[in-house]
């Protein structure tokens, strides 16, 4: 009986160790930006769990958005960053989704970027 109680306690204790990912914001609004301007933005997050957070994958819905994940585990209580670079040489509206996969209690999180790339004036009159 004592062995059973001990194993149950160990099992419950092991289950309590979990990484949790909490983003400062899950949307980045570029607003209106000039064509060819810097398209790099950062999603900041914190591991609010009590186990190391491992980001296994960060993927975009298209090739115009290149996300970059942290390579090292994020320890409990520490912050991490996911860099996103949008190709601002494409004028028009920005509406893209980035999928983040990790070992967190919520293993899949979708982040969004939005905004509008404005082409330079062509033939403005004075």
C-alpha atoms as a PDB file:
ATOM      1  CA  UNK A   1       0.000   0.000   0.000  1.00  0.00           C
ATOM      2  CA  UNK A   2       2.797   2.414   0.907  1.00  0.00           C
ATOM      3  CA  UNK A   3       4.511   1.673  -2.422  1.00  0.00           C
ATOM      4  CA  UNK A   4       1.270   2.461  -4.308  1.00  0.00           C
ATOM      5  CA  UNK A   5       0.850   5.811  -2.494  1.00  0.00           C
ATOM      6  CA  UNK A   6       4.504   6.690  -3.177  1.00  0.00           C
ATOM      7  CA  UNK A   7       4.192   5.892  -6.891  1.00  0.00           C
ATOM      8  CA  UNK A   8       0.965   7.873  -7.138  1.00  0.00           C
ATOM      9  CA  UNK A   9       2.639  10.892  -5.513  1.00  0.00           C
ATOM     10  CA  UNK A  10       5.623  10.681  -7.899  1.00  0.00           C
ATOM     11  CA  UNK A  11       3.263  10.373 -10.864  1.00  0.00           C
ATOM     12  CA  UNK A  12       1.225  13.413  -9.798  1.00  0.00           C
ATOM     13  CA  UNK A  13       4.399  15.444  -9.119  1.00  0.00           C
ATOM     14  CA  UNK A  14       5.746  14.640 -12.586  1.00  0.00           C
ATOM     15  CA  UNK A  15       2.489  15.734 -14.185  1.00  0.00           C
ATOM     16  CA  UNK A  16       2.675  19.138 -12.499  1.00  0.00           C
ATOM     17  CA  UNK A  17       5.898  20.045 -14.339  1.00  0.00           C
ATOM     18  CA  UNK A  18       4.703  21.787 -17.486  1.00  0.00           C
ATOM     19  CA  UNK A  19       5.870  24.623 -19.673  1.00  0.00           C
ATOM     20  CA  UNK A  20       3.422  27.447 -20.400  1.00  0.00           C
ATOM     21  CA  UNK A  21       3.828  30.042 -23.128  1.00  0.00           C
ATOM     22  CA  UNK A  22       2.317  33.485 -22.639  1.00  0.00           C
ATOM     23  CA  UNK A  23       2.753  36.050 -25.418  1.00  0.00           C
ATOM     24  CA  UNK A  24       2.878  39.764 -24.684  1.00  0.00           C
ATOM     25  CA  UNK A  25       0.625  40.084 -27.752  1.00  0.00           C
ATOM     26  CA  UNK A  26      -0.452  37.555 -30.367  1.00  0.00           C
ATOM     27  CA  UNK A  27      -0.894  40.254 -33.064  1.00  0.00           C
ATOM     28  CA  UNK A  28       1.649  42.664 -34.520  1.00  0.00           C
ATOM     29  CA  UNK A  29       0.202  45.589 -36.437  1.00  0.00           C
ATOM     30  CA  UNK A  30       2.721  47.083 -38.849  1.00  0.00           C
ATOM     31  CA  UNK A  31       0.285  49.894 -39.568  1.00  0.00           C
ATOM     32  CA  UNK A  32       1.123  51.640 -42.843  1.00  0.00           C
ATOM     33  CA  UNK A  33       4.767  51.150 -43.771  1.00  0.00           C
ATOM     34  CA  UNK A  34       6.733  52.236 -46.819  1.00  0.00           C
ATOM     35  CA  UNK A  35       7.615  49.703 -49.476  1.00  0.00           C
ATOM     36  CA  UNK A  36      11.174  48.443 -48.935  1.00  0.00           C
ATOM     37  CA  UNK A  37      11.282  49.454 -45.255  1.00  0.00           C
ATOM     38  CA  UNK A  38      12.429  47.220 -42.392  1.00  0.00           C
ATOM     39  CA  UNK A  39       9.957  44.342 -42.077  1.00  0.00           C
ATOM     40  CA  UNK A  40      11.442  42.767 -38.929  1.00  0.00           C
ATOM     41  CA  UNK A  41       9.209  42.586 -35.857  1.00  0.00           C
ATOM     42  CA  UNK A  42       9.438  40.635 -32.584  1.00  0.00           C
ATOM     43  CA  UNK A  43       6.849  38.573 -30.704  1.00  0.00           C
ATOM     44  CA  UNK A  44       7.865  38.438 -27.027  1.00  0.00           C
ATOM     45  CA  UNK A  45       6.740  35.659 -24.711  1.00  0.00           C
ATOM     46  CA  UNK A  46       7.372  34.330 -21.219  1.00  0.00           C
ATOM     47  CA  UNK A  47       7.520  30.760 -19.968  1.00  0.00           C
ATOM     48  CA  UNK A  48       5.052  31.003 -17.080  1.00  0.00           C
ATOM     49  CA  UNK A  49       5.238  27.278 -16.376  1.00  0.00           C
ATOM     50  CA  UNK A  50       7.611  25.318 -14.174  1.00  0.00           C
ATOM     51  CA  UNK A  51       9.417  23.274 -16.852  1.00  0.00           C
ATOM     52  CA  UNK A  52      11.708  24.363 -19.705  1.00  0.00           C
ATOM     53  CA  UNK A  53       9.827  25.543 -22.805  1.00  0.00           C
ATOM     54  CA  UNK A  54      11.052  24.151 -26.108  1.00  0.00           C
ATOM     55  CA  UNK A  55       9.835  25.782 -29.329  1.00  0.00           C
ATOM     56  CA  UNK A  56       9.988  22.966 -31.869  1.00  0.00           C
ATOM     57  CA  UNK A  57       8.588  24.741 -34.915  1.00  0.00           C
ATOM     58  CA  UNK A  58       7.612  28.202 -36.160  1.00  0.00           C
ATOM     59  CA  UNK A  59       6.012  28.304 -39.606  1.00  0.00           C
ATOM     60  CA  UNK A  60       4.403  30.991 -41.740  1.00  0.00           C
ATOM     61  CA  UNK A  61       1.457  30.678 -44.107  1.00  0.00           C
ATOM     62  CA  UNK A  62       3.579  31.981 -47.011  1.00  0.00           C
ATOM     63  CA  UNK A  63       7.140  32.565 -48.177  1.00  0.00           C
ATOM     64  CA  UNK A  64       6.836  36.345 -47.793  1.00  0.00           C
ATOM     65  CA  UNK A  65       7.044  35.978 -44.000  1.00  0.00           C
ATOM     66  CA  UNK A  66      10.112  34.363 -42.449  1.00  0.00           C
ATOM     67  CA  UNK A  67       9.875  33.510 -38.742  1.00  0.00           C
ATOM     68  CA  UNK A  68      12.899  32.651 -36.600  1.00  0.00           C
ATOM     69  CA  UNK A  69      12.518  30.590 -33.433  1.00  0.00           C
ATOM     70  CA  UNK A  70      14.743  30.508 -30.350  1.00  0.00           C
ATOM     71  CA  UNK A  71      17.147  27.557 -30.496  1.00  0.00           C
ATOM     72  CA  UNK A  72      17.672  27.134 -26.747  1.00  0.00           C
ATOM     73  CA  UNK A  73      15.015  26.070 -24.212  1.00  0.00           C
ATOM     74  CA  UNK A  74      13.356  28.947 -22.350  1.00  0.00           C
ATOM     75  CA  UNK A  75      13.622  28.310 -18.625  1.00  0.00           C
ATOM     76  CA  UNK A  76      10.662  28.901 -16.282  1.00  0.00           C
ATOM     77  CA  UNK A  77      10.094  32.612 -15.644  1.00  0.00           C
ATOM     78  CA  UNK A  78      12.348  33.668 -18.526  1.00  0.00           C
ATOM     79  CA  UNK A  79      11.444  35.591 -21.681  1.00  0.00           C
ATOM     80  CA  UNK A  80      11.972  34.558 -25.268  1.00  0.00           C
ATOM     81  CA  UNK A  81      11.514  36.102 -28.698  1.00  0.00           C
ATOM     82  CA  UNK A  82      10.248  34.986 -32.079  1.00  0.00           C
ATOM     83  CA  UNK A  83      11.515  37.197 -34.880  1.00  0.00           C
ATOM     84  CA  UNK A  84       9.314  37.678 -37.936  1.00  0.00           C
ATOM     85  CA  UNK A  85      10.542  39.272 -41.146  1.00  0.00           C
ATOM     86  CA  UNK A  86       7.931  40.342 -43.699  1.00  0.00           C
ATOM     87  CA  UNK A  87       8.997  41.124 -47.288  1.00  0.00           C
ATOM     88  CA  UNK A  88       8.011  44.796 -47.543  1.00  0.00           C
ATOM     89  CA  UNK A  89       8.828  44.897 -51.261  1.00  0.00           C
ATOM     90  CA  UNK A  90       5.294  43.594 -51.832  1.00  0.00           C
ATOM     91  CA  UNK A  91       2.830  46.527 -51.745  1.00  0.00           C
ATOM     92  CA  UNK A  92      -0.649  45.918 -50.363  1.00  0.00           C
ATOM     93  CA  UNK A  93      -2.321  44.546 -47.268  1.00  0.00           C
ATOM     94  CA  UNK A  94      -0.505  42.287 -44.812  1.00  0.00           C
ATOM     95  CA  UNK A  95      -2.538  39.503 -43.215  1.00  0.00           C
ATOM     96  CA  UNK A  96      -0.406  36.511 -42.295  1.00  0.00           C
ATOM     97  CA  UNK A  97      -0.444  33.796 -39.652  1.00  0.00           C
ATOM     98  CA  UNK A  98       2.551  32.225 -37.917  1.00  0.00           C
ATOM     99  CA  UNK A  99       2.059  28.830 -36.239  1.00  0.00           C
ATOM    100  CA  UNK A 100       4.157  28.122 -33.138  1.00  0.00           C
ATOM    101  CA  UNK A 101       4.553  24.527 -31.950  1.00  0.00           C
ATOM    102  CA  UNK A 102       6.113  23.767 -28.563  1.00  0.00           C
ATOM    103  CA  UNK A 103       6.007  21.473 -25.546  1.00  0.00           C
ATOM    104  CA  UNK A 104       3.765  23.956 -23.677  1.00  0.00           C
ATOM    105  CA  UNK A 105       0.419  23.013 -22.168  1.00  0.00           C
ATOM    106  CA  UNK A 106      -1.075  24.673 -25.272  1.00  0.00           C
ATOM    107  CA  UNK A 107       1.215  23.093 -27.893  1.00  0.00           C
ATOM    108  CA  UNK A 108      -0.026  25.081 -30.908  1.00  0.00           C
ATOM    109  CA  UNK A 109      -0.415  28.859 -30.890  1.00  0.00           C
ATOM    110  CA  UNK A 110      -1.185  31.057 -33.880  1.00  0.00           C
ATOM    111  CA  UNK A 111       0.265  34.554 -34.114  1.00  0.00           C
ATOM    112  CA  UNK A 112      -0.826  37.165 -36.638  1.00  0.00           C
ATOM    113  CA  UNK A 113       0.742  40.084 -38.436  1.00  0.00           C
ATOM    114  CA  UNK A 114      -1.240  42.755 -40.219  1.00  0.00           C
ATOM    115  CA  UNK A 115      -0.767  46.133 -41.848  1.00  0.00           C
ATOM    116  CA  UNK A 116      -0.323  47.714 -45.243  1.00  0.00           C
ATOM    117  CA  UNK A 117       2.751  48.269 -47.403  1.00  0.00           C
ATOM    118  CA  UNK A 118       2.493  51.607 -49.222  1.00  0.00           C
ATOM    119  CA  UNK A 119       4.345  51.992 -52.563  1.00  0.00           C
ATOM    120  CA  UNK A 120       6.368  55.164 -53.055  1.00  0.00           C
ATOM    121  CA  UNK A 121       4.620  58.120 -54.730  1.00  0.00           C
ATOM    122  CA  UNK A 122       4.893  57.838 -58.462  1.00  0.00           C
ATOM    123  CA  UNK A 123       4.634  61.262 -60.080  1.00  0.00           C
ATOM    124  CA  UNK A 124       3.422  63.448 -57.227  1.00  0.00           C
ATOM    125  CA  UNK A 125       2.490  66.985 -58.353  1.00  0.00           C
ATOM    126  CA  UNK A 126       3.712  70.164 -56.656  1.00  0.00           C
END
